[in-house]
PDB file of N, CA and C in Angstrom:
ATOM      1  N   MET A   1       9.727 -13.239 -53.768  1.00  0.00           N
ATOM      2  CA  MET A   1       8.454 -13.286 -53.104  1.00  0.00           C
ATOM      3  C   MET A   1       8.404 -12.201 -52.037  1.00  0.00           C
ATOM      4  N   LEU A   2       7.232 -11.609 -51.915  1.00  0.00           N
ATOM      5  CA  LEU A   2       7.053 -10.584 -50.900  1.00  0.00           C
ATOM      6  C   LEU A   2       6.593 -11.207 -49.589  1.00  0.00           C
ATOM      7  N   TYR A   3       7.182 -10.735 -48.504  1.00  0.00           N
ATOM      8  CA  TYR A   3       6.775 -11.116 -47.151  1.00  0.00           C
ATOM      9  C   TYR A   3       6.605  -9.849 -46.343  1.00  0.00           C
ATOM     10  N   ILE A   4       5.539  -9.819 -45.555  1.00  0.00           N
ATOM     11  CA  ILE A   4       5.314  -8.704 -44.650  1.00  0.00           C
ATOM     12  C   ILE A   4       5.504  -9.211 -43.225  1.00  0.00           C
ATOM     13  N   ILE A   5       6.233  -8.437 -42.470  1.00  0.00           N
ATOM     14  CA  ILE A   5       6.534  -8.775 -41.080  1.00  0.00           C
ATOM     15  C   ILE A   5       5.940  -7.682 -40.199  1.00  0.00           C
ATOM     16  N   ASN A   6       5.107  -8.084 -39.260  1.00  0.00           N
ATOM     17  CA  ASN A   6       4.586  -7.183 -38.228  1.00  0.00           C
ATOM     18  C   ASN A   6       5.234  -7.602 -36.926  1.00  0.00           C
ATOM     19  N   ALA A   7       5.916  -6.687 -36.299  1.00  0.00           N
ATOM     20  CA  ALA A   7       6.621  -6.979 -35.053  1.00  0.00           C
ATOM     21  C   ALA A   7       6.159  -6.001 -33.985  1.00  0.00           C
ATOM     22  N   HIS A   8       5.552  -6.528 -32.935  1.00  0.00           N
ATOM     23  CA  HIS A   8       5.058  -5.696 -31.837  1.00  0.00           C
ATOM     24  C   HIS A   8       6.049  -5.746 -30.674  1.00  0.00           C
ATOM     25  N   ASP A   9       6.370  -4.562 -30.156  1.00  0.00           N
ATOM     26  CA  ASP A   9       7.334  -4.464 -29.061  1.00  0.00           C
ATOM     27  C   ASP A   9       6.750  -4.942 -27.735  1.00  0.00           C
ATOM     28  N   LYS A  10       7.621  -5.438 -26.886  1.00  0.00           N
ATOM     29  CA  LYS A  10       7.272  -5.681 -25.490  1.00  0.00           C
ATOM     30  C   LYS A  10       7.171  -4.319 -24.815  1.00  0.00           C
ATOM     31  N   PRO A  11       6.411  -4.203 -23.746  1.00  0.00           N
ATOM     32  CA  PRO A  11       6.366  -2.936 -22.999  1.00  0.00           C
ATOM     33  C   PRO A  11       7.741  -2.622 -22.393  1.00  0.00           C
ATOM     34  N   GLY A  12       8.045  -1.348 -22.272  1.00  0.00           N
ATOM     35  CA  GLY A  12       9.257  -0.914 -21.589  1.00  0.00           C
ATOM     36  C   GLY A  12      10.551  -1.171 -22.332  1.00  0.00           C
ATOM     37  N   MET A  13      10.516  -1.133 -23.638  1.00  0.00           N
ATOM     38  CA  MET A  13      11.698  -1.444 -24.435  1.00  0.00           C
ATOM     39  C   MET A  13      12.461  -0.215 -24.925  1.00  0.00           C
ATOM     40  N   ALA A  14      12.099   0.977 -24.476  1.00  0.00           N
ATOM     41  CA  ALA A  14      12.712   2.205 -25.002  1.00  0.00           C
ATOM     42  C   ALA A  14      14.230   2.204 -24.877  1.00  0.00           C
ATOM     43  N   GLU A  15      14.761   1.797 -23.731  1.00  0.00           N
ATOM     44  CA  GLU A  15      16.220   1.789 -23.554  1.00  0.00           C
ATOM     45  C   GLU A  15      16.883   0.760 -24.464  1.00  0.00           C
ATOM     46  N   LYS A  16      16.275  -0.404 -24.591  1.00  0.00           N
ATOM     47  CA  LYS A  16      16.843  -1.445 -25.448  1.00  0.00           C
ATOM     48  C   LYS A  16      16.784  -1.021 -26.917  1.00  0.00           C
ATOM     49  N   VAL A  17      15.683  -0.378 -27.312  1.00  0.00           N
ATOM     50  CA  VAL A  17      15.572   0.137 -28.684  1.00  0.00           C
ATOM     51  C   VAL A  17      16.666   1.169 -28.935  1.00  0.00           C
ATOM     52  N   ALA A  18      16.845   2.097 -28.006  1.00  0.00           N
ATOM     53  CA  ALA A  18      17.871   3.133 -28.165  1.00  0.00           C
ATOM     54  C   ALA A  18      19.261   2.520 -28.270  1.00  0.00           C
ATOM     55  N   ALA A  19      19.528   1.493 -27.459  1.00  0.00           N
ATOM     56  CA  ALA A  19      20.848   0.863 -27.470  1.00  0.00           C
ATOM     57  C   ALA A  19      21.095   0.069 -28.751  1.00  0.00           C
ATOM     58  N   THR A  20      20.042  -0.366 -29.407  1.00  0.00           N
ATOM     59  CA  THR A  20      20.157  -1.227 -30.585  1.00  0.00           C
ATOM     60  C   THR A  20      19.912  -0.468 -31.880  1.00  0.00           C
ATOM     61  N   LEU A  21      19.496   0.781 -31.788  1.00  0.00           N
ATOM     62  CA  LEU A  21      19.083   1.545 -32.961  1.00  0.00           C
ATOM     63  C   LEU A  21      20.153   1.624 -34.041  1.00  0.00           C
ATOM     64  N   GLY A  22      21.389   1.856 -33.678  1.00  0.00           N
ATOM     65  CA  GLY A  22      22.465   1.942 -34.680  1.00  0.00           C
ATOM     66  C   GLY A  22      22.615   0.652 -35.462  1.00  0.00           C
ATOM     67  N   ALA A  23      22.619  -0.473 -34.769  1.00  0.00           N
ATOM     68  CA  ALA A  23      22.735  -1.781 -35.436  1.00  0.00           C
ATOM     69  C   ALA A  23      21.514  -2.036 -36.311  1.00  0.00           C
ATOM     70  N   HIS A  24      20.343  -1.656 -35.822  1.00  0.00           N
ATOM     71  CA  HIS A  24      19.098  -1.816 -36.586  1.00  0.00           C
ATOM     72  C   HIS A  24      19.167  -1.016 -37.884  1.00  0.00           C
ATOM     73  N   GLN A  25      19.543   0.243 -37.796  1.00  0.00           N
ATOM     74  CA  GLN A  25      19.627   1.090 -38.990  1.00  0.00           C
ATOM     75  C   GLN A  25      20.679   0.569 -39.969  1.00  0.00           C
ATOM     76  N   HIS A  26      21.800   0.112 -39.447  1.00  0.00           N
ATOM     77  CA  HIS A  26      22.836  -0.467 -40.309  1.00  0.00           C
ATOM     78  C   HIS A  26      22.295  -1.710 -41.027  1.00  0.00           C
ATOM     79  N   TYR A  27      21.577  -2.555 -40.308  1.00  0.00           N
ATOM     80  CA  TYR A  27      21.000  -3.776 -40.895  1.00  0.00           C
ATOM     81  C   TYR A  27      20.023  -3.423 -42.021  1.00  0.00           C
ATOM     82  N   LEU A  28      19.187  -2.429 -41.795  1.00  0.00           N
ATOM     83  CA  LEU A  28      18.250  -2.018 -42.841  1.00  0.00           C
ATOM     84  C   LEU A  28      18.998  -1.467 -44.049  1.00  0.00           C
ATOM     85  N   HIS A  29      20.030  -0.677 -43.802  1.00  0.00           N
ATOM     86  CA  HIS A  29      20.834  -0.142 -44.911  1.00  0.00           C
ATOM     87  C   HIS A  29      21.494  -1.280 -45.698  1.00  0.00           C
ATOM     88  N   GLU A  30      22.011  -2.257 -44.995  1.00  0.00           N
ATOM     89  CA  GLU A  30      22.648  -3.400 -45.660  1.00  0.00           C
ATOM     90  C   GLU A  30      21.633  -4.273 -46.393  1.00  0.00           C
ATOM     91  N   SER A  31      20.362  -4.143 -46.046  1.00  0.00           N
ATOM     92  CA  SER A  31      19.292  -4.934 -46.661  1.00  0.00           C
ATOM     93  C   SER A  31      18.612  -4.202 -47.810  1.00  0.00           C
ATOM     94  N   ASP A  32      19.202  -3.116 -48.292  1.00  0.00           N
ATOM     95  CA  ASP A  32      18.503  -2.279 -49.265  1.00  0.00           C
ATOM     96  C   ASP A  32      18.182  -2.979 -50.580  1.00  0.00           C
ATOM     97  N   LYS A  33      18.821  -4.100 -50.877  1.00  0.00           N
ATOM     98  CA  LYS A  33      18.516  -4.829 -52.113  1.00  0.00           C
ATOM     99  C   LYS A  33      17.241  -5.666 -51.984  1.00  0.00           C
ATOM    100  N   LEU A  34      16.788  -5.939 -50.770  1.00  0.00           N
ATOM    101  CA  LEU A  34      15.580  -6.739 -50.582  1.00  0.00           C
ATOM    102  C   LEU A  34      14.491  -6.021 -49.807  1.00  0.00           C
ATOM    103  N   LEU A  35      14.816  -4.920 -49.178  1.00  0.00           N
ATOM    104  CA  LEU A  35      13.849  -4.181 -48.381  1.00  0.00           C
ATOM    105  C   LEU A  35      12.989  -3.304 -49.285  1.00  0.00           C
ATOM    106  N   VAL A  36      11.693  -3.521 -49.250  1.00  0.00           N
ATOM    107  CA  VAL A  36      10.756  -2.715 -50.027  1.00  0.00           C
ATOM    108  C   VAL A  36      10.273  -1.545 -49.200  1.00  0.00           C
ATOM    109  N   LEU A  37       9.979  -1.794 -47.931  1.00  0.00           N
ATOM    110  CA  LEU A  37       9.464  -0.767 -47.045  1.00  0.00           C
ATOM    111  C   LEU A  37       9.738  -1.193 -45.613  1.00  0.00           C
ATOM    112  N   ALA A  38      10.037  -0.237 -44.773  1.00  0.00           N
ATOM    113  CA  ALA A  38      10.187  -0.509 -43.347  1.00  0.00           C
ATOM    114  C   ALA A  38       9.787   0.744 -42.584  1.00  0.00           C
ATOM    115  N   GLY A  39       9.193   0.538 -41.432  1.00  0.00           N
ATOM    116  CA  GLY A  39       8.835   1.684 -40.618  1.00  0.00           C
ATOM    117  C   GLY A  39       8.402   1.262 -39.234  1.00  0.00           C
ATOM    118  N   GLY A  40       8.498   2.209 -38.334  1.00  0.00           N
ATOM    119  CA  GLY A  40       8.077   1.972 -36.967  1.00  0.00           C
ATOM    120  C   GLY A  40       6.593   2.249 -36.809  1.00  0.00           C
ATOM    121  N   MET A  41       5.918   1.392 -36.068  1.00  0.00           N
ATOM    122  CA  MET A  41       4.513   1.630 -35.740  1.00  0.00           C
ATOM    123  C   MET A  41       4.456   2.538 -34.519  1.00  0.00           C
ATOM    124  N   ARG A  42       3.500   3.453 -34.520  1.00  0.00           N
ATOM    125  CA  ARG A  42       3.351   4.437 -33.450  1.00  0.00           C
ATOM    126  C   ARG A  42       1.920   4.439 -32.919  1.00  0.00           C
ATOM    127  N   ASP A  43       1.763   4.965 -31.712  1.00  0.00           N
ATOM    128  CA  ASP A  43       0.416   5.172 -31.184  1.00  0.00           C
ATOM    129  C   ASP A  43      -0.237   6.320 -31.963  1.00  0.00           C
ATOM    130  N   GLU A  44      -1.519   6.555 -31.720  1.00  0.00           N
ATOM    131  CA  GLU A  44      -2.254   7.578 -32.475  1.00  0.00           C
ATOM    132  C   GLU A  44      -1.659   8.969 -32.336  1.00  0.00           C
ATOM    133  N   ALA A  45      -1.059   9.270 -31.201  1.00  0.00           N
ATOM    134  CA  ALA A  45      -0.431  10.581 -31.004  1.00  0.00           C
ATOM    135  C   ALA A  45       0.905  10.677 -31.733  1.00  0.00           C
ATOM    136  N   GLY A  46       1.417   9.543 -32.209  1.00  0.00           N
ATOM    137  CA  GLY A  46       2.680   9.543 -32.930  1.00  0.00           C
ATOM    138  C   GLY A  46       3.895   9.603 -32.030  1.00  0.00           C
ATOM    139  N   LYS A  47       3.721   9.402 -30.750  1.00  0.00           N
ATOM    140  CA  LYS A  47       4.830   9.566 -29.809  1.00  0.00           C
ATOM    141  C   LYS A  47       5.413   8.243 -29.320  1.00  0.00           C
ATOM    142  N   GLU A  48       4.550   7.284 -29.033  1.00  0.00           N
ATOM    143  CA  GLU A  48       5.029   6.031 -28.445  1.00  0.00           C
ATOM    144  C   GLU A  48       5.258   4.979 -29.536  1.00  0.00           C
ATOM    145  N   ARG A  49       6.413   4.365 -29.488  1.00  0.00           N
ATOM    146  CA  ARG A  49       6.757   3.303 -30.416  1.00  0.00           C
ATOM    147  C   ARG A  49       6.010   2.032 -30.014  1.00  0.00           C
ATOM    148  N   LEU A  50       5.382   1.386 -30.999  1.00  0.00           N
ATOM    149  CA  LEU A  50       4.641   0.156 -30.752  1.00  0.00           C
ATOM    150  C   LEU A  50       5.311  -1.065 -31.366  1.00  0.00           C
ATOM    151  N   GLY A  51       6.136  -0.853 -32.382  1.00  0.00           N
ATOM    152  CA  GLY A  51       6.780  -1.972 -33.056  1.00  0.00           C
ATOM    153  C   GLY A  51       7.288  -1.562 -34.427  1.00  0.00           C
ATOM    154  N   SER A  52       7.428  -2.548 -35.306  1.00  0.00           N
ATOM    155  CA  SER A  52       7.972  -2.311 -36.640  1.00  0.00           C
ATOM    156  C   SER A  52       7.211  -3.123 -37.672  1.00  0.00           C
ATOM    157  N   VAL A  53       7.217  -2.608 -38.902  1.00  0.00           N
ATOM    158  CA  VAL A  53       6.673  -3.324 -40.049  1.00  0.00           C
ATOM    159  C   VAL A  53       7.756  -3.354 -41.114  1.00  0.00           C
ATOM    160  N   TYR A  54       7.918  -4.509 -41.734  1.00  0.00           N
ATOM    161  CA  TYR A  54       8.893  -4.671 -42.806  1.00  0.00           C
ATOM    162  C   TYR A  54       8.206  -5.350 -43.980  1.00  0.00           C
ATOM    163  N   LEU A  55       8.498  -4.897 -45.165  1.00  0.00           N
ATOM    164  CA  LEU A  55       8.076  -5.566 -46.385  1.00  0.00           C
ATOM    165  C   LEU A  55       9.358  -5.909 -47.131  1.00  0.00           C
ATOM    166  N   ILE A  56       9.612  -7.207 -47.289  1.00  0.00           N
ATOM    167  CA  ILE A  56      10.861  -7.638 -47.911  1.00  0.00           C
ATOM    168  C   ILE A  56      10.566  -8.517 -49.120  1.00  0.00           C
ATOM    169  N   ASN A  57      11.478  -8.516 -50.065  1.00  0.00           N
ATOM    170  CA  ASN A  57      11.374  -9.309 -51.282  1.00  0.00           C
ATOM    171  C   ASN A  57      12.536 -10.301 -51.279  1.00  0.00           C
ATOM    172  N   VAL A  58      12.220 -11.560 -50.972  1.00  0.00           N
ATOM    173  CA  VAL A  58      13.233 -12.608 -50.847  1.00  0.00           C
ATOM    174  C   VAL A  58      12.807 -13.836 -51.643  1.00  0.00           C
ATOM    175  N   ALA A  59      13.701 -14.793 -51.771  1.00  0.00           N
ATOM    176  CA  ALA A  59      13.456 -15.977 -52.605  1.00  0.00           C
ATOM    177  C   ALA A  59      12.393 -16.914 -52.039  1.00  0.00           C
ATOM    178  N   ASN A  60      12.308 -17.003 -50.708  1.00  0.00           N
ATOM    179  CA  ASN A  60      11.395 -17.972 -50.108  1.00  0.00           C
ATOM    180  C   ASN A  60      11.201 -17.660 -48.622  1.00  0.00           C
ATOM    181  N   ARG A  61      10.330 -18.437 -47.978  1.00  0.00           N
ATOM    182  CA  ARG A  61      10.031 -18.215 -46.571  1.00  0.00           C
ATOM    183  C   ARG A  61      11.274 -18.400 -45.693  1.00  0.00           C
ATOM    184  N   ALA A  62      12.095 -19.372 -46.016  1.00  0.00           N
ATOM    185  CA  ALA A  62      13.307 -19.600 -45.219  1.00  0.00           C
ATOM    186  C   ALA A  62      14.193 -18.354 -45.219  1.00  0.00           C
ATOM    187  N   ALA A  63      14.296 -17.691 -46.359  1.00  0.00           N
ATOM    188  CA  ALA A  63      15.096 -16.461 -46.435  1.00  0.00           C
ATOM    189  C   ALA A  63      14.457 -15.350 -45.605  1.00  0.00           C
ATOM    190  N   ALA A  64      13.131 -15.268 -45.615  1.00  0.00           N
ATOM    191  CA  ALA A  64      12.432 -14.265 -44.805  1.00  0.00           C
ATOM    192  C   ALA A  64      12.636 -14.547 -43.325  1.00  0.00           C
ATOM    193  N   GLU A  65      12.547 -15.805 -42.932  1.00  0.00           N
ATOM    194  CA  GLU A  65      12.765 -16.177 -41.532  1.00  0.00           C
ATOM    195  C   GLU A  65      14.190 -15.872 -41.097  1.00  0.00           C
ATOM    196  N   ALA A  66      15.149 -16.138 -41.970  1.00  0.00           N
ATOM    197  CA  ALA A  66      16.550 -15.854 -41.652  1.00  0.00           C
ATOM    198  C   ALA A  66      16.775 -14.352 -41.510  1.00  0.00           C
ATOM    199  N   TRP A  67      16.156 -13.567 -42.389  1.00  0.00           N
ATOM    200  CA  TRP A  67      16.295 -12.118 -42.297  1.00  0.00           C
ATOM    201  C   TRP A  67      15.741 -11.619 -40.970  1.00  0.00           C
ATOM    202  N   LEU A  68      14.570 -12.092 -40.595  1.00  0.00           N
ATOM    203  CA  LEU A  68      13.961 -11.671 -39.335  1.00  0.00           C
ATOM    204  C   LEU A  68      14.784 -12.128 -38.135  1.00  0.00           C
ATOM    205  N   ALA A  69      15.312 -13.324 -38.189  1.00  0.00           N
ATOM    206  CA  ALA A  69      16.120 -13.836 -37.073  1.00  0.00           C
ATOM    207  C   ALA A  69      17.360 -12.980 -36.837  1.00  0.00           C
ATOM    208  N   ALA A  70      17.905 -12.391 -37.900  1.00  0.00           N
ATOM    209  CA  ALA A  70      19.118 -11.584 -37.791  1.00  0.00           C
ATOM    210  C   ALA A  70      18.835 -10.104 -37.520  1.00  0.00           C
ATOM    211  N   GLU A  71      17.572  -9.694 -37.568  1.00  0.00           N
ATOM    212  CA  GLU A  71      17.215  -8.295 -37.356  1.00  0.00           C
ATOM    213  C   GLU A  71      17.588  -7.904 -35.926  1.00  0.00           C
ATOM    214  N   PRO A  72      18.367  -6.841 -35.729  1.00  0.00           N
ATOM    215  CA  PRO A  72      18.896  -6.505 -34.411  1.00  0.00           C
ATOM    216  C   PRO A  72      17.863  -6.291 -33.304  1.00  0.00           C
ATOM    217  N   PHE A  73      16.738  -5.651 -33.589  1.00  0.00           N
ATOM    218  CA  PHE A  73      15.719  -5.517 -32.544  1.00  0.00           C
ATOM    219  C   PHE A  73      15.206  -6.890 -32.126  1.00  0.00           C
ATOM    220  N   ASN A  74      15.011  -7.765 -33.093  1.00  0.00           N
ATOM    221  CA  ASN A  74      14.547  -9.123 -32.790  1.00  0.00           C
ATOM    222  C   ASN A  74      15.587  -9.877 -31.968  1.00  0.00           C
ATOM    223  N   LYS A  75      16.839  -9.798 -32.384  1.00  0.00           N
ATOM    224  CA  LYS A  75      17.917 -10.476 -31.653  1.00  0.00           C
ATOM    225  C   LYS A  75      18.059  -9.945 -30.224  1.00  0.00           C
ATOM    226  N   ALA A  76      17.766  -8.670 -30.025  1.00  0.00           N
ATOM    227  CA  ALA A  76      17.897  -8.052 -28.698  1.00  0.00           C
ATOM    228  C   ALA A  76      16.694  -8.340 -27.797  1.00  0.00           C
ATOM    229  N   GLY A  77      15.670  -8.993 -28.328  1.00  0.00           N
ATOM    230  CA  GLY A  77      14.506  -9.321 -27.521  1.00  0.00           C
ATOM    231  C   GLY A  77      13.499  -8.192 -27.376  1.00  0.00           C
ATOM    232  N   VAL A  78      13.521  -7.236 -28.291  1.00  0.00           N
ATOM    233  CA  VAL A  78      12.593  -6.108 -28.240  1.00  0.00           C
ATOM    234  C   VAL A  78      11.159  -6.555 -28.553  1.00  0.00           C
ATOM    235  N   PHE A  79      11.018  -7.495 -29.460  1.00  0.00           N
ATOM    236  CA  PHE A  79       9.683  -7.850 -29.942  1.00  0.00           C
ATOM    237  C   PHE A  79       8.964  -8.828 -29.021  1.00  0.00           C
ATOM    238  N   LYS A  80       7.712  -8.507 -28.741  1.00  0.00           N
ATOM    239  CA  LYS A  80       6.826  -9.384 -27.983  1.00  0.00           C
ATOM    240  C   LYS A  80       6.282 -10.466 -28.900  1.00  0.00           C
ATOM    241  N   SER A  81       5.944 -10.077 -30.140  1.00  0.00           N
ATOM    242  CA  SER A  81       5.395 -11.023 -31.108  1.00  0.00           C
ATOM    243  C   SER A  81       5.737 -10.557 -32.513  1.00  0.00           C
ATOM    244  N   THR A  82       5.806 -11.517 -33.407  1.00  0.00           N
ATOM    245  CA  THR A  82       6.021 -11.214 -34.823  1.00  0.00           C
ATOM    246  C   THR A  82       5.109 -12.112 -35.649  1.00  0.00           C
ATOM    247  N   THR A  83       4.683 -11.578 -36.776  1.00  0.00           N
ATOM    248  CA  THR A  83       4.010 -12.395 -37.783  1.00  0.00           C
ATOM    249  C   THR A  83       4.770 -12.227 -39.081  1.00  0.00           C
ATOM    250  N   LEU A  84       4.821 -13.292 -39.831  1.00  0.00           N
ATOM    251  CA  LEU A  84       5.516 -13.312 -41.119  1.00  0.00           C
ATOM    252  C   LEU A  84       4.556 -13.940 -42.115  1.00  0.00           C
ATOM    253  N   GLU A  85       4.117 -13.147 -43.071  1.00  0.00           N
ATOM    254  CA  GLU A  85       3.128 -13.620 -44.032  1.00  0.00           C
ATOM    255  C   GLU A  85       3.584 -13.319 -45.448  1.00  0.00           C
ATOM    256  N   ARG A  86       3.404 -14.307 -46.312  1.00  0.00           N
ATOM    257  CA  ARG A  86       3.659 -14.073 -47.734  1.00  0.00           C
ATOM    258  C   ARG A  86       2.514 -13.242 -48.290  1.00  0.00           C
ATOM    259  N   MET A  87       2.843 -12.360 -49.205  1.00  0.00           N
ATOM    260  CA  MET A  87       1.804 -11.549 -49.832  1.00  0.00           C
ATOM    261  C   MET A  87       2.120 -11.375 -51.309  1.00  0.00           C
ATOM    262  N   ARG A  88       1.169 -10.891 -52.020  1.00  0.00           N
ATOM    263  CA  ARG A  88       1.386 -10.565 -53.427  1.00  0.00           C
ATOM    264  C   ARG A  88       1.206  -9.072 -53.606  1.00  0.00           C
ATOM    265  N   LYS A  89       1.916  -8.535 -54.560  1.00  0.00           N
ATOM    266  CA  LYS A  89       1.771  -7.114 -54.856  1.00  0.00           C
ATOM    267  C   LYS A  89       0.462  -6.923 -55.598  1.00  0.00           C
ATOM    268  N   GLY A  90      -0.384  -6.105 -55.045  1.00  0.00           N
ATOM    269  CA  GLY A  90      -1.646  -5.764 -55.697  1.00  0.00           C
ATOM    270  C   GLY A  90      -1.537  -4.368 -56.269  1.00  0.00           C
ATOM    271  N   HIS A  91      -2.026  -3.431 -55.538  1.00  0.00           N
ATOM    272  CA  HIS A  91      -1.952  -2.038 -55.963  1.00  0.00           C
ATOM    273  C   HIS A  91      -0.689  -1.417 -55.377  1.00  0.00           C
ATOM    274  N   TRP A  92      -0.023  -0.624 -56.172  1.00  0.00           N
ATOM    275  CA  TRP A  92       1.235  -0.006 -55.758  1.00  0.00           C
ATOM    276  C   TRP A  92       1.171   1.467 -56.117  1.00  0.00           C
ATOM    277  N   HIS A  93       1.111   2.317 -55.104  1.00  0.00           N
ATOM    278  CA  HIS A  93       1.005   3.754 -55.321  1.00  0.00           C
ATOM    279  C   HIS A  93       1.976   4.504 -54.405  1.00  0.00           C
ATOM    280  N   PRO A  94       3.274   4.397 -54.660  1.00  0.00           N
ATOM    281  CA  PRO A  94       4.235   5.090 -53.785  1.00  0.00           C
ATOM    282  C   PRO A  94       4.050   6.596 -53.782  1.00  0.00           C
ATOM    283  N   GLU A  95       3.425   7.139 -54.815  1.00  0.00           N
ATOM    284  CA  GLU A  95       3.193   8.590 -54.848  1.00  0.00           C
ATOM    285  C   GLU A  95       2.214   9.035 -53.762  1.00  0.00           C
ATOM    286  N   ASN A  96       1.468   8.098 -53.195  1.00  0.00           N
ATOM    287  CA  ASN A  96       0.534   8.424 -52.120  1.00  0.00           C
ATOM    288  C   ASN A  96       1.184   8.407 -50.737  1.00  0.00           C
ATOM    289  N   ALA A  97       2.424   8.026 -50.677  1.00  0.00           N
ATOM    290  CA  ALA A  97       3.115   7.997 -49.386  1.00  0.00           C
ATOM    291  C   ALA A  97       3.305   9.417 -48.876  1.00  0.00           C
ATOM    292  N   PRO A  98       3.290   9.608 -47.565  1.00  0.00           N
ATOM    293  CA  PRO A  98       3.498  10.948 -47.022  1.00  0.00           C
ATOM    294  C   PRO A  98       4.902  11.448 -47.323  1.00  0.00           C
ATOM    295  N   LYS A  99       5.054  12.730 -47.301  1.00  0.00           N
ATOM    296  CA  LYS A  99       6.349  13.342 -47.593  1.00  0.00           C
ATOM    297  C   LYS A  99       7.334  13.227 -46.453  1.00  0.00           C
ATOM    298  N   SER A 100       6.831  13.138 -45.204  1.00  0.00           N
ATOM    299  CA  SER A 100       7.727  13.056 -44.062  1.00  0.00           C
ATOM    300  C   SER A 100       7.633  11.676 -43.414  1.00  0.00           C
ATOM    301  N   ALA A 101       8.629  11.332 -42.640  1.00  0.00           N
ATOM    302  CA  ALA A 101       8.645  10.044 -41.937  1.00  0.00           C
ATOM    303  C   ALA A 101       7.502   9.933 -40.940  1.00  0.00           C
ATOM    304  N   ASP A 102       7.026  11.042 -40.440  1.00  0.00           N
ATOM    305  CA  ASP A 102       5.935  11.039 -39.463  1.00  0.00           C
ATOM    306  C   ASP A 102       4.561  11.054 -40.107  1.00  0.00           C
ATOM    307  N   GLY A 103       4.517  11.004 -41.440  1.00  0.00           N
ATOM    308  CA  GLY A 103       3.235  10.905 -42.124  1.00  0.00           C
ATOM    309  C   GLY A 103       2.551  12.217 -42.418  1.00  0.00           C
ATOM    310  N   GLU A 104       3.309  13.270 -42.471  1.00  0.00           N
ATOM    311  CA  GLU A 104       2.709  14.590 -42.747  1.00  0.00           C
ATOM    312  C   GLU A 104       3.098  15.073 -44.119  1.00  0.00           C
TER     313      GLU A 104
END
């Protein structure tokens, strides 16, 4: 089942994000069998981090909740709020994704 997670950062989390980034990246790498998409949300200028979005494919909601609970940014208290919603795959066009991580 697909679950989408929207996680919005608390203000002033840059140092905590930097300190946790290695563990976060390792966690995402270790999750490559269930991670469909992940990325950081940015302000319109592309400079300020606002949070994270994850699309994961897991057996059930309990598995999605467990994955989110173990996510290093979440464990470190970076997130102000999170939503976890089940979704279905509708249209899938990965060829429309930008070529660079910054969307260019």
